[in-house]
Amino acid sequence: MGHVWANTKVGNADLSRVVEVRALVDTDATLTAILKSLANELSLRITGRSRVETGARGY
């Protein structure tokens, strides 16, 4: 089975900043992870850090 990708929009809480991204979809994921650069672009406050590994060869 291949990987499932979706074009979607990600925004901050008040939607004053919204970015369209291509995301890898994992319906069995425990958490959602985004790049630090995207968090910065959306002016999000980082509240924690986790090391994330995927089976998607480099994604």
PDB file of N, CA and C in Angstrom:
ATOM      1  N   MET A   1       0.837  -1.174   0.000  1.00  0.00           N
ATOM      2  CA  MET A   1       0.000   0.000   0.000  1.00  0.00           C
ATOM      3  C   MET A   1       0.882   1.237   0.000  1.00  0.00           C
ATOM      4  N   GLY A   2       0.511   2.232  -0.782  1.00  0.00           N
ATOM      5  CA  GLY A   2       1.287   3.468  -0.870  1.00  0.00           C
ATOM      6  C   GLY A   2       0.931   4.449   0.227  1.00  0.00           C
ATOM      7  N   HIS A   3       1.598   5.564   0.196  1.00  0.00           N
ATOM      8  CA  HIS A   3       1.337   6.632   1.155  1.00  0.00           C
ATOM      9  C   HIS A   3       0.183   7.495   0.671  1.00  0.00           C
ATOM     10  N   VAL A   4      -0.570   8.036   1.610  1.00  0.00           N
ATOM     11  CA  VAL A   4      -1.700   8.910   1.288  1.00  0.00           C
ATOM     12  C   VAL A   4      -1.304  10.344   1.618  1.00  0.00           C
ATOM     13  N   TRP A   5      -1.389  11.214   0.617  1.00  0.00           N
ATOM     14  CA  TRP A   5      -1.070  12.627   0.765  1.00  0.00           C
ATOM     15  C   TRP A   5      -2.329  13.439   0.513  1.00  0.00           C
ATOM     16  N   ALA A   6      -2.432  14.576   1.172  1.00  0.00           N
ATOM     17  CA  ALA A   6      -3.586  15.455   0.962  1.00  0.00           C
ATOM     18  C   ALA A   6      -3.130  16.903   0.991  1.00  0.00           C
ATOM     19  N   ASN A   7      -3.688  17.702   0.091  1.00  0.00           N
ATOM     20  CA  ASN A   7      -3.487  19.143   0.165  1.00  0.00           C
ATOM     21  C   ASN A   7      -4.483  19.673   1.183  1.00  0.00           C
ATOM     22  N   THR A   8      -3.993  20.425   2.146  1.00  0.00           N
ATOM     23  CA  THR A   8      -4.847  20.933   3.216  1.00  0.00           C
ATOM     24  C   THR A   8      -4.355  22.297   3.665  1.00  0.00           C
ATOM     25  N   LYS A   9      -5.121  22.932   4.496  1.00  0.00           N
ATOM     26  CA  LYS A   9      -4.723  24.230   5.046  1.00  0.00           C
ATOM     27  C   LYS A   9      -4.496  24.084   6.542  1.00  0.00           C
ATOM     28  N   VAL A  10      -3.453  24.735   7.027  1.00  0.00           N
ATOM     29  CA  VAL A  10      -3.116  24.747   8.443  1.00  0.00           C
ATOM     30  C   VAL A  10      -3.074  26.205   8.871  1.00  0.00           C
ATOM     31  N   GLY A  11      -3.692  26.498  10.015  1.00  0.00           N
ATOM     32  CA  GLY A  11      -3.714  27.888  10.462  1.00  0.00           C
ATOM     33  C   GLY A  11      -3.528  28.019  11.956  1.00  0.00           C
ATOM     34  N   ASN A  12      -3.289  29.256  12.379  1.00  0.00           N
ATOM     35  CA  ASN A  12      -3.198  29.518  13.816  1.00  0.00           C
ATOM     36  C   ASN A  12      -4.607  29.602  14.398  1.00  0.00           C
ATOM     37  N   ALA A  13      -4.704  29.780  15.708  1.00  0.00           N
ATOM     38  CA  ALA A  13      -5.998  29.687  16.403  1.00  0.00           C
ATOM     39  C   ALA A  13      -7.040  30.668  15.889  1.00  0.00           C
ATOM     40  N   ASP A  14      -6.640  31.898  15.574  1.00  0.00           N
ATOM     41  CA  ASP A  14      -7.634  32.879  15.113  1.00  0.00           C
ATOM     42  C   ASP A  14      -7.712  32.966  13.589  1.00  0.00           C
ATOM     43  N   LEU A  15      -7.000  32.062  12.910  1.00  0.00           N
ATOM     44  CA  LEU A  15      -6.973  31.971  11.442  1.00  0.00           C
ATOM     45  C   LEU A  15      -6.486  33.250  10.771  1.00  0.00           C
ATOM     46  N   SER A  16      -5.702  34.052  11.498  1.00  0.00           N
ATOM     47  CA  SER A  16      -5.122  35.243  10.881  1.00  0.00           C
ATOM     48  C   SER A  16      -3.955  34.871   9.968  1.00  0.00           C
ATOM     49  N   ARG A  17      -3.419  33.680  10.153  1.00  0.00           N
ATOM     50  CA  ARG A  17      -2.367  33.149   9.281  1.00  0.00           C
ATOM     51  C   ARG A  17      -2.763  31.729   8.892  1.00  0.00           C
ATOM     52  N   VAL A  18      -2.858  31.497   7.596  1.00  0.00           N
ATOM     53  CA  VAL A  18      -3.231  30.178   7.073  1.00  0.00           C
ATOM     54  C   VAL A  18      -2.282  29.844   5.928  1.00  0.00           C
ATOM     55  N   VAL A  19      -1.796  28.614   5.908  1.00  0.00           N
ATOM     56  CA  VAL A  19      -0.861  28.166   4.882  1.00  0.00           C
ATOM     57  C   VAL A  19      -1.389  26.876   4.278  1.00  0.00           C
ATOM     58  N   GLU A  20      -1.329  26.768   2.955  1.00  0.00           N
ATOM     59  CA  GLU A  20      -1.698  25.515   2.299  1.00  0.00           C
ATOM     60  C   GLU A  20      -0.465  24.619   2.271  1.00  0.00           C
ATOM     61  N   VAL A  21      -0.641  23.364   2.693  1.00  0.00           N
ATOM     62  CA  VAL A  21       0.464  22.411   2.741  1.00  0.00           C
ATOM     63  C   VAL A  21       0.042  21.084   2.123  1.00  0.00           C
ATOM     64  N   ARG A  22       1.026  20.305   1.736  1.00  0.00           N
ATOM     65  CA  ARG A  22       0.801  18.929   1.291  1.00  0.00           C
ATOM     66  C   ARG A  22       1.204  18.051   2.464  1.00  0.00           C
ATOM     67  N   ALA A  23       0.254  17.290   3.005  1.00  0.00           N
ATOM     68  CA  ALA A  23       0.496  16.547   4.238  1.00  0.00           C
ATOM     69  C   ALA A  23       0.401  15.044   4.022  1.00  0.00           C
ATOM     70  N   LEU A  24       1.238  14.321   4.731  1.00  0.00           N
ATOM     71  CA  LEU A  24       1.172  12.866   4.768  1.00  0.00           C
ATOM     72  C   LEU A  24       0.085  12.489   5.769  1.00  0.00           C
ATOM     73  N   VAL A  25      -0.892  11.710   5.336  1.00  0.00           N
ATOM     74  CA  VAL A  25      -2.039  11.353   6.177  1.00  0.00           C
ATOM     75  C   VAL A  25      -1.781  10.011   6.852  1.00  0.00           C
ATOM     76  N   ASP A  26      -1.966   9.979   8.168  1.00  0.00           N
ATOM     77  CA  ASP A  26      -1.830   8.743   8.939  1.00  0.00           C
ATOM     78  C   ASP A  26      -3.020   8.658   9.888  1.00  0.00           C
ATOM     79  N   THR A  27      -4.015   7.862   9.537  1.00  0.00           N
ATOM     80  CA  THR A  27      -5.242   7.795  10.336  1.00  0.00           C
ATOM     81  C   THR A  27      -5.047   7.078  11.667  1.00  0.00           C
ATOM     82  N   ASP A  28      -3.904   6.427  11.846  1.00  0.00           N
ATOM     83  CA  ASP A  28      -3.631   5.711  13.096  1.00  0.00           C
ATOM     84  C   ASP A  28      -2.624   6.459  13.969  1.00  0.00           C
ATOM     85  N   ALA A  29      -2.323   7.705  13.611  1.00  0.00           N
ATOM     86  CA  ALA A  29      -1.322   8.479  14.345  1.00  0.00           C
ATOM     87  C   ALA A  29      -1.824   8.878  15.727  1.00  0.00           C
ATOM     88  N   THR A  30      -0.904   8.929  16.670  1.00  0.00           N
ATOM     89  CA  THR A  30      -1.220   9.353  18.029  1.00  0.00           C
ATOM     90  C   THR A  30      -1.148  10.866  18.163  1.00  0.00           C
ATOM     91  N   LEU A  31      -0.304  11.498  17.366  1.00  0.00           N
ATOM     92  CA  LEU A  31      -0.162  12.944  17.422  1.00  0.00           C
ATOM     93  C   LEU A  31       0.064  13.501  16.030  1.00  0.00           C
ATOM     94  N   THR A  32      -0.028  14.807  15.921  1.00  0.00           N
ATOM     95  CA  THR A  32       0.231  15.498  14.662  1.00  0.00           C
ATOM     96  C   THR A  32       1.525  16.272  14.809  1.00  0.00           C
ATOM     97  N   ALA A  33       2.380  16.198  13.812  1.00  0.00           N
ATOM     98  CA  ALA A  33       3.655  16.908  13.861  1.00  0.00           C
ATOM     99  C   ALA A  33       3.774  17.823  12.654  1.00  0.00           C
ATOM    100  N   ILE A  34       4.335  19.009  12.880  1.00  0.00           N
ATOM    101  CA  ILE A  34       4.631  19.925  11.782  1.00  0.00           C
ATOM    102  C   ILE A  34       6.069  20.397  11.933  1.00  0.00           C
ATOM    103  N   LEU A  35       6.623  20.885  10.851  1.00  0.00           N
ATOM    104  CA  LEU A  35       7.978  21.408  10.896  1.00  0.00           C
ATOM    105  C   LEU A  35       8.039  22.681  11.730  1.00  0.00           C
ATOM    106  N   LYS A  36       9.172  22.887  12.383  1.00  0.00           N
ATOM    107  CA  LYS A  36       9.363  24.098  13.180  1.00  0.00           C
ATOM    108  C   LYS A  36       9.216  25.338  12.303  1.00  0.00           C
ATOM    109  N   SER A  37       9.683  25.264  11.068  1.00  0.00           N
ATOM    110  CA  SER A  37       9.577  26.416  10.162  1.00  0.00           C
ATOM    111  C   SER A  37       8.117  26.777   9.891  1.00  0.00           C
ATOM    112  N   LEU A  38       7.230  25.776   9.800  1.00  0.00           N
ATOM    113  CA  LEU A  38       5.801  26.047   9.605  1.00  0.00           C
ATOM    114  C   LEU A  38       5.205  26.658  10.867  1.00  0.00           C
ATOM    115  N   ALA A  39       5.580  26.143  12.030  1.00  0.00           N
ATOM    116  CA  ALA A  39       5.107  26.717  13.293  1.00  0.00           C
ATOM    117  C   ALA A  39       5.514  28.182  13.396  1.00  0.00           C
ATOM    118  N   ASN A  40       6.744  28.489  13.007  1.00  0.00           N
ATOM    119  CA  ASN A  40       7.212  29.876  13.030  1.00  0.00           C
ATOM    120  C   ASN A  40       6.427  30.738  12.053  1.00  0.00           C
ATOM    121  N   GLU A  41       6.182  30.220  10.850  1.00  0.00           N
ATOM    122  CA  GLU A  41       5.429  30.969   9.834  1.00  0.00           C
ATOM    123  C   GLU A  41       4.019  31.309  10.320  1.00  0.00           C
ATOM    124  N   LEU A  42       3.431  30.416  11.107  1.00  0.00           N
ATOM    125  CA  LEU A  42       2.076  30.626  11.623  1.00  0.00           C
ATOM    126  C   LEU A  42       2.071  31.344  12.976  1.00  0.00           C
ATOM    127  N   SER A  43       3.251  31.710  13.456  1.00  0.00           N
ATOM    128  CA  SER A  43       3.405  32.369  14.768  1.00  0.00           C
ATOM    129  C   SER A  43       2.819  31.522  15.896  1.00  0.00           C
ATOM    130  N   LEU A  44       3.042  30.206  15.816  1.00  0.00           N
ATOM    131  CA  LEU A  44       2.557  29.305  16.857  1.00  0.00           C
ATOM    132  C   LEU A  44       3.557  29.245  18.005  1.00  0.00           C
ATOM    133  N   ARG A  45       3.056  29.074  19.194  1.00  0.00           N
ATOM    134  CA  ARG A  45       3.895  28.921  20.378  1.00  0.00           C
ATOM    135  C   ARG A  45       4.181  27.429  20.545  1.00  0.00           C
ATOM    136  N   ILE A  46       5.436  27.068  20.597  1.00  0.00           N
ATOM    137  CA  ILE A  46       5.818  25.670  20.774  1.00  0.00           C
ATOM    138  C   ILE A  46       5.645  25.304  22.246  1.00  0.00           C
ATOM    139  N   THR A  47       4.846  24.268  22.509  1.00  0.00           N
ATOM    140  CA  THR A  47       4.547  23.876  23.888  1.00  0.00           C
ATOM    141  C   THR A  47       5.244  22.589  24.301  1.00  0.00           C
ATOM    142  N   GLY A  48       5.849  21.889  23.361  1.00  0.00           N
ATOM    143  CA  GLY A  48       6.540  20.654  23.684  1.00  0.00           C
ATOM    144  C   GLY A  48       7.316  20.162  22.483  1.00  0.00           C
ATOM    145  N   ARG A  49       8.155  19.206  22.711  1.00  0.00           N
ATOM    146  CA  ARG A  49       8.951  18.629  21.626  1.00  0.00           C
ATOM    147  C   ARG A  49       8.881  17.111  21.710  1.00  0.00           C
ATOM    148  N   SER A  50       8.848  16.481  20.546  1.00  0.00           N
ATOM    149  CA  SER A  50       8.880  15.023  20.454  1.00  0.00           C
ATOM    150  C   SER A  50       9.748  14.640  19.277  1.00  0.00           C
ATOM    151  N   ARG A  51      10.420  13.536  19.393  1.00  0.00           N
ATOM    152  CA  ARG A  51      11.162  13.007  18.249  1.00  0.00           C
ATOM    153  C   ARG A  51      10.182  12.162  17.451  1.00  0.00           C
ATOM    154  N   VAL A  52      10.096  12.421  16.153  1.00  0.00           N
ATOM    155  CA  VAL A  52       9.121  11.748  15.307  1.00  0.00           C
ATOM    156  C   VAL A  52       9.851  10.998  14.202  1.00  0.00           C
ATOM    157  N   GLU A  53       9.490   9.745  14.009  1.00  0.00           N
ATOM    158  CA  GLU A  53      10.003   8.955  12.894  1.00  0.00           C
ATOM    159  C   GLU A  53       8.813   8.412  12.130  1.00  0.00           C
ATOM    160  N   THR A  54       8.912   8.430  10.817  1.00  0.00           N
ATOM    161  CA  THR A  54       7.842   7.870   9.995  1.00  0.00           C
ATOM    162  C   THR A  54       8.391   6.722   9.169  1.00  0.00           C
ATOM    163  N   GLY A  55       7.503   5.962   8.623  1.00  0.00           N
ATOM    164  CA  GLY A  55       7.894   4.902   7.710  1.00  0.00           C
ATOM    165  C   GLY A  55       7.893   5.390   6.273  1.00  0.00           C
ATOM    166  N   ALA A  56       7.858   6.698   6.089  1.00  0.00           N
ATOM    167  CA  ALA A  56       7.702   7.277   4.756  1.00  0.00           C
ATOM    168  C   ALA A  56       9.025   7.696   4.135  1.00  0.00           C
ATOM    169  N   ARG A  57      10.090   7.052   4.508  1.00  0.00           N
ATOM    170  CA  ARG A  57      11.405   7.281   3.909  1.00  0.00           C
ATOM    171  C   ARG A  57      11.769   8.762   3.798  1.00  0.00           C
ATOM    172  N   GLY A  58      12.053   9.360   4.919  1.00  0.00           N
ATOM    173  CA  GLY A  58      12.551  10.726   4.903  1.00  0.00           C
ATOM    174  C   GLY A  58      11.517  11.806   5.097  1.00  0.00           C
ATOM    175  N   TYR A  59      10.260  11.445   5.221  1.00  0.00           N
ATOM    176  CA  TYR A  59       9.228  12.464   5.409  1.00  0.00           C
ATOM    177  C   TYR A  59       8.924  12.600   6.872  1.00  0.00           C
TER     178      TYR A  59
END
